[in-house]
Amino acid sequence: MTHHAIDDRLGIARGSASYYYRTRQDLLVAAITYLTTTSRNAFQAALEQPDRRADTVDGAADLIAGQLDLLIGERRRDALARYALAADTAGDEELRRALAGCLFSLPAAEDLLSSLGAGDPGGAARDLISLLEGLLFDRLLGTRALLGLRPGTPESVDDVRRPVHRWLTALRDS
C-alpha cells in the first residue's frame, strides 16, 4: 500500500493521500481503523434488530452467519483488504494485533459465548474466531467459493450457519 497507489485508485490528485496521512504507517492505521469501526458498527446494528436474539444457540448462529454473509457479500472488499494488509503489518506487532481484531471482536465473542453459558468464554471465543476466519477465507477464496453461492441469499447464509451452529451446539453440549 502506497500513497500514490491510493491516489491513483481513488482518482484523486497525486499527493492527496500523503497530505492527510504523512507516513505509510499512518495509512495502515487509518485503513485498519476504518475496517474495525465498520465491523463494530455492523455488528452493533445487527444486535439492535428487534427480531435478533443471540442468547440461544439458534439465535447466535443466525447472528454470526448474517455477519459472515455480509463480509462475503456487501463487505467483501473489506475482508479482501484485510488479507491484503496482512503482509504490510507482519513486521509491526501493534498493527498486526489491530488487524487481527478488525473484523471479529474477541471481547464481543467472549460476551456472546458467556451469555450462552460457555465454561471458558475466553478460550471458546478464540476458537470461534478461528472457525469464522476459516469460513470467511473458504467462502472468499477457498473451496466453498467454488460452490457459486450468491451472498445475501438464504443458501449463502445457511452455508456458513451450519458449521457455526454445529460448533455452538458442541460447545453447549460439552
Protein backbone atom coordinates (compact mmCIF):
# COMPACT_ATOMS: atom_id res chain seq x y z
CA MET A 1 0.00 0.00 0.00
CA THR A 2 1.45 3.33 -1.08
CA HIS A 3 0.24 6.89 -1.11
CA HIS A 4 0.48 7.02 -4.91
CA ALA A 5 -1.46 3.77 -5.31
CA ILE A 6 -4.26 5.16 -3.17
CA ASP A 7 -4.31 8.44 -5.08
CA ASP A 8 -4.49 6.52 -8.36
CA ARG A 9 -7.12 4.04 -7.15
CA LEU A 10 -9.37 6.81 -5.85
CA GLY A 11 -8.78 9.02 -8.87
CA ILE A 12 -7.59 11.92 -6.77
CA ALA A 13 -4.68 14.27 -7.31
CA ARG A 14 -1.23 12.87 -6.58
CA GLY A 15 -0.19 13.84 -3.10
CA SER A 16 -3.71 13.91 -1.69
CA ALA A 17 -3.30 10.77 0.43
CA SER A 18 0.05 11.93 1.75
CA TYR A 19 -1.48 15.27 2.73
CA TYR A 20 -3.79 13.51 5.19
CA TYR A 21 -1.62 10.53 6.05
CA ARG A 22 2.01 11.57 6.12
CA THR A 23 3.57 8.15 6.54
CA ARG A 24 2.87 4.64 5.35
CA GLN A 25 2.24 3.77 8.99
CA ASP A 26 -0.46 6.46 9.12
CA LEU A 27 -2.10 4.92 6.05
CA LEU A 28 -2.10 1.47 7.60
CA VAL A 29 -3.53 2.74 10.88
CA ALA A 30 -6.29 4.60 9.02
CA ALA A 31 -7.19 1.54 6.94
CA ILE A 32 -7.29 -0.78 9.96
CA THR A 33 -9.27 1.77 11.99
CA TYR A 34 -11.80 2.01 9.16
CA LEU A 35 -12.18 -1.78 8.98
CA THR A 36 -12.55 -2.05 12.74
CA THR A 37 -15.11 0.75 13.01
CA THR A 38 -17.13 -0.61 10.10
CA SER A 39 -17.16 -4.10 11.62
CA ARG A 40 -18.17 -2.93 15.08
CA ASN A 41 -20.94 -0.76 13.64
CA ALA A 42 -22.29 -3.63 11.51
CA PHE A 43 -22.29 -5.99 14.49
CA GLN A 44 -23.96 -3.43 16.75
CA ALA A 45 -26.62 -2.75 14.11
CA ALA A 46 -27.31 -6.49 13.86
CA LEU A 47 -27.65 -6.78 17.63
CA GLU A 48 -30.15 -3.93 17.67
CA GLN A 49 -32.53 -5.59 15.21
CA PRO A 50 -35.84 -6.12 17.04
CA ASP A 51 -36.15 -9.77 16.00
CA ARG A 52 -32.50 -10.60 16.73
CA ARG A 53 -31.72 -12.75 19.77
CA ALA A 54 -28.24 -14.04 20.41
CA ASP A 55 -28.91 -15.69 23.76
CA THR A 56 -29.66 -19.11 22.26
CA VAL A 57 -27.57 -21.34 20.02
CA ASP A 58 -30.01 -20.79 17.15
CA GLY A 59 -30.06 -17.03 17.63
CA ALA A 60 -26.28 -16.79 17.95
CA ALA A 61 -25.78 -18.94 14.84
CA ASP A 62 -28.19 -16.73 12.90
CA LEU A 63 -26.43 -13.55 14.05
CA ILE A 64 -22.96 -14.86 13.25
CA ALA A 65 -24.00 -16.30 9.87
CA GLY A 66 -25.57 -13.00 8.91
CA GLN A 67 -22.38 -11.12 9.76
CA LEU A 68 -20.25 -13.62 7.83
CA ASP A 69 -22.55 -13.34 4.84
CA LEU A 70 -22.14 -9.54 4.94
CA LEU A 71 -18.36 -9.98 4.84
CA ILE A 72 -18.68 -12.40 1.94
CA GLY A 73 -21.01 -10.08 0.02
CA GLU A 74 -21.58 -6.40 0.79
CA ARG A 75 -18.33 -6.12 2.75
CA ARG A 76 -16.24 -8.39 0.55
CA ARG A 77 -13.92 -5.51 -0.25
CA ASP A 78 -13.26 -5.01 3.46
CA ALA A 79 -12.42 -8.67 4.00
CA LEU A 80 -10.11 -8.77 0.99
CA ALA A 81 -8.46 -5.52 2.10
CA ARG A 82 -7.68 -7.14 5.42
CA TYR A 83 -5.94 -10.02 3.69
CA ALA A 84 -4.00 -7.56 1.53
CA LEU A 85 -2.90 -5.61 4.61
CA ALA A 86 -1.57 -8.72 6.36
CA ALA A 87 1.83 -8.58 4.67
CA ASP A 88 2.13 -4.85 5.37
CA THR A 89 1.58 -5.36 9.10
CA ALA A 90 3.64 -8.51 9.63
CA GLY A 91 6.68 -6.66 11.00
CA ASP A 92 4.76 -4.39 13.37
CA GLU A 93 3.26 -6.10 16.42
CA GLU A 94 0.83 -3.28 17.23
CA LEU A 95 -0.54 -3.11 13.69
CA ARG A 96 -0.67 -6.90 13.42
CA ARG A 97 -2.74 -7.09 16.61
CA ALA A 98 -5.08 -4.35 15.39
CA LEU A 99 -5.50 -6.07 12.03
CA ALA A 100 -6.11 -9.43 13.71
CA GLY A 101 -9.09 -7.98 15.57
CA CYS A 102 -10.52 -5.67 12.95
CA LEU A 103 -13.21 -7.97 11.53
CA PHE A 104 -14.00 -10.15 14.54
CA SER A 105 -14.03 -8.82 18.09
CA LEU A 106 -12.64 -11.10 20.77
CA PRO A 107 -14.47 -9.22 23.58
CA ALA A 108 -17.78 -9.41 21.69
CA ALA A 109 -17.26 -13.13 21.07
CA GLU A 110 -16.45 -13.65 24.76
CA ASP A 111 -19.64 -11.81 25.77
CA LEU A 112 -21.70 -13.84 23.33
CA LEU A 113 -20.28 -17.16 24.47
CA SER A 114 -20.57 -16.20 28.12
CA SER A 115 -24.27 -15.48 27.55
CA LEU A 116 -24.57 -18.97 26.07
CA GLY A 117 -23.03 -20.48 29.20
CA ALA A 118 -19.55 -21.36 27.93
CA GLY A 119 -17.34 -22.61 30.77
CA ASP A 120 -14.29 -20.83 29.36
CA PRO A 121 -15.63 -17.90 27.32
CA GLY A 122 -12.14 -16.59 26.51
CA GLY A 123 -10.88 -19.88 25.10
CA ALA A 124 -14.18 -20.54 23.35
CA ALA A 125 -14.09 -17.05 21.80
CA ARG A 126 -10.63 -17.65 20.35
CA ASP A 127 -11.82 -20.99 18.94
CA LEU A 128 -14.96 -19.42 17.47
CA ILE A 129 -12.98 -16.65 15.81
CA SER A 130 -10.61 -19.22 14.29
CA LEU A 131 -13.64 -21.04 12.88
CA LEU A 132 -15.06 -17.79 11.49
CA GLU A 133 -11.71 -16.79 9.97
CA GLY A 134 -11.54 -20.14 8.21
CA LEU A 135 -15.11 -19.97 6.95
CA LEU A 136 -14.62 -16.44 5.67
CA PHE A 137 -11.45 -17.34 3.80
CA ASP A 138 -13.03 -20.50 2.42
CA ARG A 139 -16.08 -18.65 1.11
CA LEU A 140 -13.98 -15.85 -0.40
CA LEU A 141 -11.06 -17.79 -1.85
CA GLY A 142 -11.29 -21.48 -0.91
CA THR A 143 -13.33 -24.50 -1.91
CA ARG A 144 -16.62 -23.03 -0.69
CA ALA A 145 -16.04 -20.12 -3.07
CA LEU A 146 -16.38 -22.65 -5.88
CA LEU A 147 -19.94 -23.54 -4.86
CA GLY A 148 -21.27 -20.48 -6.67
CA LEU A 149 -23.44 -19.35 -3.77
CA ARG A 150 -24.58 -15.76 -4.09
CA PRO A 151 -24.09 -13.73 -0.90
CA GLY A 152 -27.30 -12.39 0.57
CA THR A 153 -29.32 -15.47 -0.32
CA PRO A 154 -30.72 -17.96 2.19
CA GLU A 155 -28.43 -20.63 0.68
CA SER A 156 -25.37 -18.49 1.28
CA VAL A 157 -26.30 -17.72 4.87
CA ASP A 158 -27.15 -21.36 5.56
CA ASP A 159 -23.80 -22.49 4.14
CA VAL A 160 -21.96 -20.67 6.93
CA ARG A 161 -24.69 -21.09 9.53
CA ARG A 162 -24.50 -24.90 9.51
CA PRO A 163 -20.88 -25.21 10.72
CA VAL A 164 -21.31 -22.35 13.20
CA HIS A 165 -24.46 -23.96 14.61
CA ARG A 166 -22.70 -27.34 14.86
CA TRP A 167 -19.80 -25.74 16.72
CA LEU A 168 -22.05 -23.79 19.11
CA THR A 169 -24.12 -26.92 19.77
CA ALA A 170 -20.98 -28.94 20.51
CA LEU A 171 -19.77 -26.20 22.85
CA ARG A 172 -23.10 -26.15 24.67
CA ASP A 173 -23.18 -29.93 24.97
CA SER A 174 -19.57 -30.33 26.11
